[in-house]
Amino acid sequence: MLSPHPKREEIIHFLRSLREDIISAFEELEDGKTFERKTWTHHQEGGGEMAVLRGSRFEKAAVNWSGVGGSSFPMADGLGPFFATGVSLITHMANPHAPTTHFNIRFIETQGKYWFGGGYDLTPMGFPYEEDTQYFHQVAKEALDPFGPDFYPVFSQQARDYFYIPHRKKERGIGGIFFDHFNTGDFDVDYQLWMAVGRSFLKAVLPLYRKRLHQPYTNQEREQQLLYRGHYAEFNLVYDRGTKFGFQSGGNTEAILCSMPPLAKW
């Protein structure tokens, strides 16, 4: 039996509170629609809640929380019992000029060990805007710089490496920040950095959506968006660690596949 980290409940409270802030912010951008919520139970320990929005501006958005445990850590041998909690979200926008965004932060415990992970990235669906890219990365940098000048360059490069689609020979989008197995040995500093990343997400994405949601677009641009969504689906099904972890840990299949776009073409 895994002894819980002393901060586990505090971390869960932070995650769930942050999730509610994100859900509220997205609903304010939508035209009267709200998220539909569905809880689920893990077969060993814990469970989670899905929240899915299908509206006129967010063609599909999912903002999920989970906190699950088990007797054997997935995707690694010898780590024994584990507990993992996190928030994960994806947006697929109706307007092709409004980019898809992905966000995840997580905390994982095994016997005598812990680590943080997460980040966020932006994927224009065929219509990148340099000013949006610069702003998105600047917010990420400002969130990390108080903890040291090396974090943003390292986490940004890790995002470029992680969100690369080998069979397409390209990055999934314009990058962002990504980190995993983050444990410097100073729990309090690691925790503060992780929370700073979580709190900076809405600042990074909301101004972009307010600017792009009402931008005119053509049927041809919509077709291009659907083709780029196909590339996004390929990455999530073939390479994404979160998808693999979810399945191998016995997570909720519907929640795991919330990241898939509502429509895509090849």
Protein backbone atom coordinates (compact mmCIF):
# COMPACT_ATOMS: atom_id res chain seq x y z
CA MET A 1 0.00 0.00 0.00
CA LEU A 2 1.39 3.39 -1.01
CA SER A 3 1.61 5.97 1.76
CA PRO A 4 0.23 9.25 0.39
CA HIS A 5 2.50 12.24 0.04
CA PRO A 6 1.75 14.81 2.77
CA LYS A 7 0.80 17.35 0.11
CA ARG A 8 -1.40 15.03 -1.95
CA GLU A 9 -4.74 16.51 -0.90
CA GLU A 10 -3.45 20.06 -1.28
CA ILE A 11 -2.24 19.25 -4.78
CA ILE A 12 -5.60 17.72 -5.70
CA HIS A 13 -7.37 20.82 -4.39
CA PHE A 14 -5.15 23.05 -6.52
CA LEU A 15 -5.81 20.96 -9.62
CA ARG A 16 -9.55 20.91 -9.17
CA SER A 17 -9.71 24.64 -8.43
CA LEU A 18 -7.59 25.47 -11.49
CA ARG A 19 -9.81 23.24 -13.60
CA GLU A 20 -12.91 25.13 -12.49
CA ASP A 21 -11.26 28.42 -13.41
CA ILE A 22 -10.48 27.12 -16.90
CA ILE A 23 -13.99 25.74 -17.39
CA SER A 24 -15.53 29.07 -16.35
CA ALA A 25 -13.23 31.02 -18.67
CA PHE A 26 -14.08 28.82 -21.65
CA GLU A 27 -17.80 29.01 -20.94
CA GLU A 28 -17.59 32.80 -20.95
CA LEU A 29 -16.27 32.63 -24.53
CA GLU A 30 -18.99 30.24 -25.66
CA ASP A 31 -22.44 31.25 -26.86
CA GLY A 32 -24.61 30.00 -24.01
CA LYS A 33 -23.39 26.40 -23.93
CA THR A 34 -21.86 24.84 -20.81
CA PHE A 35 -19.70 21.83 -20.10
CA GLU A 36 -21.36 18.47 -19.58
CA ARG A 37 -19.76 16.55 -16.71
CA LYS A 38 -19.45 12.83 -16.13
CA THR A 39 -17.68 11.09 -13.25
CA TRP A 40 -15.95 7.73 -13.50
CA THR A 41 -14.35 5.28 -11.08
CA HIS A 42 -10.98 3.56 -11.47
CA HIS A 43 -10.97 -0.20 -11.04
CA GLN A 44 -8.30 -0.05 -8.28
CA GLU A 45 -8.26 3.38 -6.64
CA GLY A 46 -9.81 6.77 -7.28
CA GLY A 47 -11.36 8.01 -10.49
CA GLY A 48 -12.04 11.28 -12.21
CA GLU A 49 -14.43 13.62 -13.94
CA MET A 50 -14.77 14.46 -17.60
CA ALA A 51 -16.12 17.83 -18.68
CA VAL A 52 -16.90 18.25 -22.39
CA LEU A 53 -18.17 21.33 -24.19
CA ARG A 54 -19.65 21.26 -27.70
CA GLY A 55 -20.66 24.70 -28.85
CA SER A 56 -20.56 27.19 -31.68
CA ARG A 57 -17.06 28.47 -30.85
CA PHE A 58 -15.53 25.50 -29.10
CA GLU A 59 -16.48 22.77 -31.54
CA LYS A 60 -15.17 20.46 -28.83
CA ALA A 61 -13.32 21.18 -25.61
CA ALA A 62 -12.55 18.72 -22.85
CA VAL A 63 -11.18 19.66 -19.42
CA ASN A 64 -10.65 16.52 -17.34
CA TRP A 65 -9.40 15.76 -13.85
CA SER A 66 -8.29 12.39 -12.54
CA GLY A 67 -6.71 10.94 -9.43
CA VAL A 68 -6.00 7.22 -9.75
CA GLY A 69 -3.82 4.62 -8.09
CA GLY A 70 -2.81 1.04 -8.59
CA SER A 71 -0.52 -1.78 -7.57
CA SER A 72 1.97 -1.42 -10.43
CA PHE A 73 3.12 1.72 -12.20
CA PRO A 74 2.35 1.56 -15.94
CA MET A 75 5.07 1.86 -18.60
CA ALA A 76 7.88 1.08 -16.12
CA ASP A 77 8.97 -1.99 -14.21
CA GLY A 78 9.91 -2.11 -10.57
CA LEU A 79 8.26 1.09 -9.31
CA GLY A 80 5.48 -0.75 -7.50
CA PRO A 81 2.31 1.01 -6.32
CA PHE A 82 1.53 4.46 -7.70
CA PHE A 83 -0.85 7.37 -7.49
CA ALA A 84 -1.25 9.89 -10.31
CA THR A 85 -3.38 13.01 -10.39
CA GLY A 86 -3.68 15.73 -12.99
CA VAL A 87 -5.72 17.99 -15.20
CA SER A 88 -5.66 17.56 -18.96
CA LEU A 89 -7.46 19.60 -21.59
CA ILE A 90 -7.82 19.96 -25.32
CA THR A 91 -9.68 22.48 -27.47
CA HIS A 92 -10.82 22.02 -31.07
CA MET A 93 -12.18 25.30 -32.35
CA ALA A 94 -14.90 25.91 -34.93
CA ASN A 95 -12.96 28.77 -36.51
CA PRO A 96 -9.87 27.52 -38.43
CA HIS A 97 -7.97 30.67 -37.43
CA ALA A 98 -8.35 29.85 -33.71
CA PRO A 99 -5.64 27.32 -32.81
CA THR A 100 -6.02 24.05 -31.00
CA THR A 101 -4.45 24.14 -27.56
CA HIS A 102 -3.41 21.38 -25.21
CA PHE A 103 -2.62 21.64 -21.51
CA ASN A 104 -1.70 19.10 -18.88
CA ILE A 105 -0.19 19.20 -15.42
CA ARG A 106 0.25 16.11 -13.29
CA PHE A 107 1.75 14.83 -10.04
CA ILE A 108 2.84 11.23 -9.69
CA GLU A 109 3.85 9.27 -6.61
CA THR A 110 5.51 5.89 -6.32
CA GLN A 111 7.08 4.25 -3.30
CA GLY A 112 9.44 6.86 -1.86
CA LYS A 113 9.45 8.93 -5.06
CA TYR A 114 7.50 11.75 -6.65
CA TRP A 115 7.68 13.86 -9.74
CA PHE A 116 5.82 16.66 -11.48
CA GLY A 117 5.09 16.99 -15.16
CA GLY A 118 3.12 18.99 -17.64
CA GLY A 119 3.10 21.98 -19.91
CA TYR A 120 1.07 23.44 -22.71
CA ASP A 121 1.40 23.84 -26.46
CA LEU A 122 -0.36 25.52 -29.36
CA THR A 123 -1.29 24.00 -32.72
CA PRO A 124 -2.54 26.35 -35.44
CA MET A 125 -4.70 24.38 -37.85
CA GLY A 126 -2.96 25.63 -40.96
CA PHE A 127 -2.99 29.33 -40.10
CA PRO A 128 -0.10 30.33 -37.83
CA TYR A 129 0.26 33.95 -36.75
CA GLU A 130 3.73 35.06 -35.73
CA GLU A 131 2.41 37.56 -33.18
CA ASP A 132 0.35 34.81 -31.53
CA THR A 133 3.35 32.50 -31.40
CA GLN A 134 5.53 35.18 -29.83
CA TYR A 135 2.91 36.06 -27.23
CA PHE A 136 2.24 32.43 -26.29
CA HIS A 137 5.93 31.72 -25.74
CA GLN A 138 6.50 34.98 -23.88
CA VAL A 139 3.83 34.10 -21.31
CA ALA A 140 5.42 30.69 -20.79
CA LYS A 141 8.85 32.26 -20.38
CA GLU A 142 7.56 34.81 -17.86
CA ALA A 143 6.02 32.02 -15.79
CA LEU A 144 9.31 30.11 -15.62
CA ASP A 145 11.95 32.84 -15.42
CA PRO A 146 11.45 33.56 -11.68
CA PHE A 147 12.72 30.02 -11.01
CA GLY A 148 15.84 30.40 -13.11
CA PRO A 149 16.89 31.39 -16.64
CA ASP A 150 17.41 27.83 -17.85
CA PHE A 151 13.93 26.43 -17.39
CA TYR A 152 12.22 28.07 -20.35
CA PRO A 153 14.91 27.17 -22.93
CA VAL A 154 15.01 23.57 -21.69
CA PHE A 155 11.25 23.09 -21.40
CA SER A 156 10.67 24.78 -24.76
CA GLN A 157 13.16 22.48 -26.48
CA GLN A 158 11.56 19.49 -24.78
CA ALA A 159 8.22 20.55 -26.24
CA ARG A 160 9.74 20.76 -29.72
CA ASP A 161 11.22 17.30 -29.29
CA TYR A 162 8.14 15.71 -27.73
CA PHE A 163 5.50 17.16 -30.06
CA TYR A 164 7.34 16.06 -33.20
CA ILE A 165 5.52 13.78 -35.64
CA PRO A 166 8.23 11.53 -37.09
CA HIS A 167 6.22 10.13 -39.99
CA ARG A 168 5.18 13.66 -41.02
CA LYS A 169 8.67 15.04 -40.38
CA LYS A 170 7.30 18.12 -38.67
CA GLU A 171 6.35 19.53 -35.27
CA ARG A 172 2.71 19.20 -34.28
CA GLY A 173 2.36 22.96 -33.87
CA ILE A 174 4.39 25.99 -32.79
CA GLY A 175 5.56 24.44 -29.52
CA GLY A 176 5.21 25.62 -25.97
CA ILE A 177 6.69 24.03 -22.86
CA PHE A 178 6.90 20.42 -21.74
CA PHE A 179 8.51 18.70 -18.75
CA ASP A 180 8.28 15.28 -17.15
CA HIS A 181 9.88 13.43 -14.22
CA PHE A 182 10.62 16.85 -12.75
CA ASN A 183 12.19 16.53 -9.30
CA THR A 184 15.10 18.77 -8.34
CA GLY A 185 15.18 17.46 -4.78
CA ASP A 186 13.50 20.59 -3.45
CA PHE A 187 9.80 19.76 -3.27
CA ASP A 188 8.62 23.26 -2.41
CA VAL A 189 10.39 24.87 -5.36
CA ASP A 190 9.25 22.15 -7.74
CA TYR A 191 5.69 22.57 -6.52
CA GLN A 192 5.75 26.34 -6.93
CA LEU A 193 7.13 26.11 -10.47
CA TRP A 194 4.50 23.53 -11.41
CA MET A 195 1.69 25.72 -10.05
CA ALA A 196 3.09 28.75 -11.88
CA VAL A 197 2.89 26.83 -15.16
CA GLY A 198 -0.71 25.88 -14.39
CA ARG A 199 -1.75 29.40 -13.49
CA SER A 200 -0.18 30.90 -16.62
CA PHE A 201 -2.15 28.82 -19.10
CA LEU A 202 -5.25 31.01 -19.35
CA LYS A 203 -3.11 34.11 -19.72
CA ALA A 204 -1.34 32.42 -22.63
CA VAL A 205 -4.42 31.33 -24.56
CA LEU A 206 -7.42 33.55 -23.79
CA PRO A 207 -6.19 36.69 -25.63
CA LEU A 208 -5.57 34.56 -28.73
CA TYR A 209 -9.08 33.19 -28.67
CA ARG A 210 -10.65 36.59 -28.12
CA LYS A 211 -8.76 37.80 -31.19
CA ARG A 212 -9.44 34.84 -33.51
CA LEU A 213 -12.86 33.44 -32.60
CA HIS A 214 -14.80 35.87 -34.78
CA GLN A 215 -12.34 36.09 -37.68
CA PRO A 216 -14.02 35.38 -41.07
CA TYR A 217 -13.05 32.14 -42.81
CA THR A 218 -13.86 30.28 -46.00
CA ASN A 219 -14.95 26.71 -46.74
CA GLN A 220 -11.49 26.06 -48.18
CA GLU A 221 -9.90 27.17 -44.90
CA ARG A 222 -12.25 24.84 -43.02
CA GLU A 223 -11.12 21.95 -45.23
CA GLN A 224 -7.49 22.76 -44.48
CA GLN A 225 -8.26 22.79 -40.75
CA LEU A 226 -9.75 19.29 -40.95
CA LEU A 227 -6.65 17.93 -42.69
CA TYR A 228 -4.39 19.38 -40.00
CA ARG A 229 -6.64 17.83 -37.37
CA GLY A 230 -5.85 14.48 -38.95
CA HIS A 231 -2.17 15.01 -38.15
CA TYR A 232 -3.13 15.89 -34.58
CA ALA A 233 -5.09 12.65 -34.23
CA GLU A 234 -2.15 10.66 -35.58
CA PHE A 235 0.17 12.05 -32.92
CA ASN A 236 -2.25 11.41 -30.07
CA LEU A 237 -2.91 7.82 -31.08
CA VAL A 238 0.63 6.80 -32.03
CA TYR A 239 3.06 8.78 -29.88
CA ASP A 240 1.38 10.53 -26.95
CA ARG A 241 2.57 9.23 -23.57
CA GLY A 242 -0.56 10.40 -21.78
CA THR A 243 -2.74 8.29 -24.06
CA LYS A 244 -0.53 5.24 -23.45
CA PHE A 245 -0.40 5.85 -19.70
CA GLY A 246 -4.17 6.21 -19.54
CA PHE A 247 -4.83 2.93 -21.29
CA GLN A 248 -2.11 0.98 -19.47
CA SER A 249 -3.22 2.28 -16.06
CA GLY A 250 -6.80 1.17 -16.68
CA GLY A 251 -8.17 4.69 -17.03
CA ASN A 252 -11.51 5.65 -18.50
CA THR A 253 -11.40 5.09 -22.25
CA GLU A 254 -13.88 7.86 -23.04
CA ALA A 255 -11.88 10.36 -20.98
CA ILE A 256 -8.58 9.30 -22.55
CA LEU A 257 -9.94 9.78 -26.07
CA CYS A 258 -11.43 13.21 -25.29
CA SER A 259 -8.35 14.63 -27.00
CA MET A 260 -9.53 13.40 -30.39
CA PRO A 261 -11.02 16.01 -32.73
CA PRO A 262 -14.77 15.85 -33.42
CA LEU A 263 -14.11 15.93 -37.18
CA ALA A 264 -10.93 15.30 -39.18
CA LYS A 265 -9.93 14.37 -42.74
CA TRP A 266 -7.16 12.51 -44.50
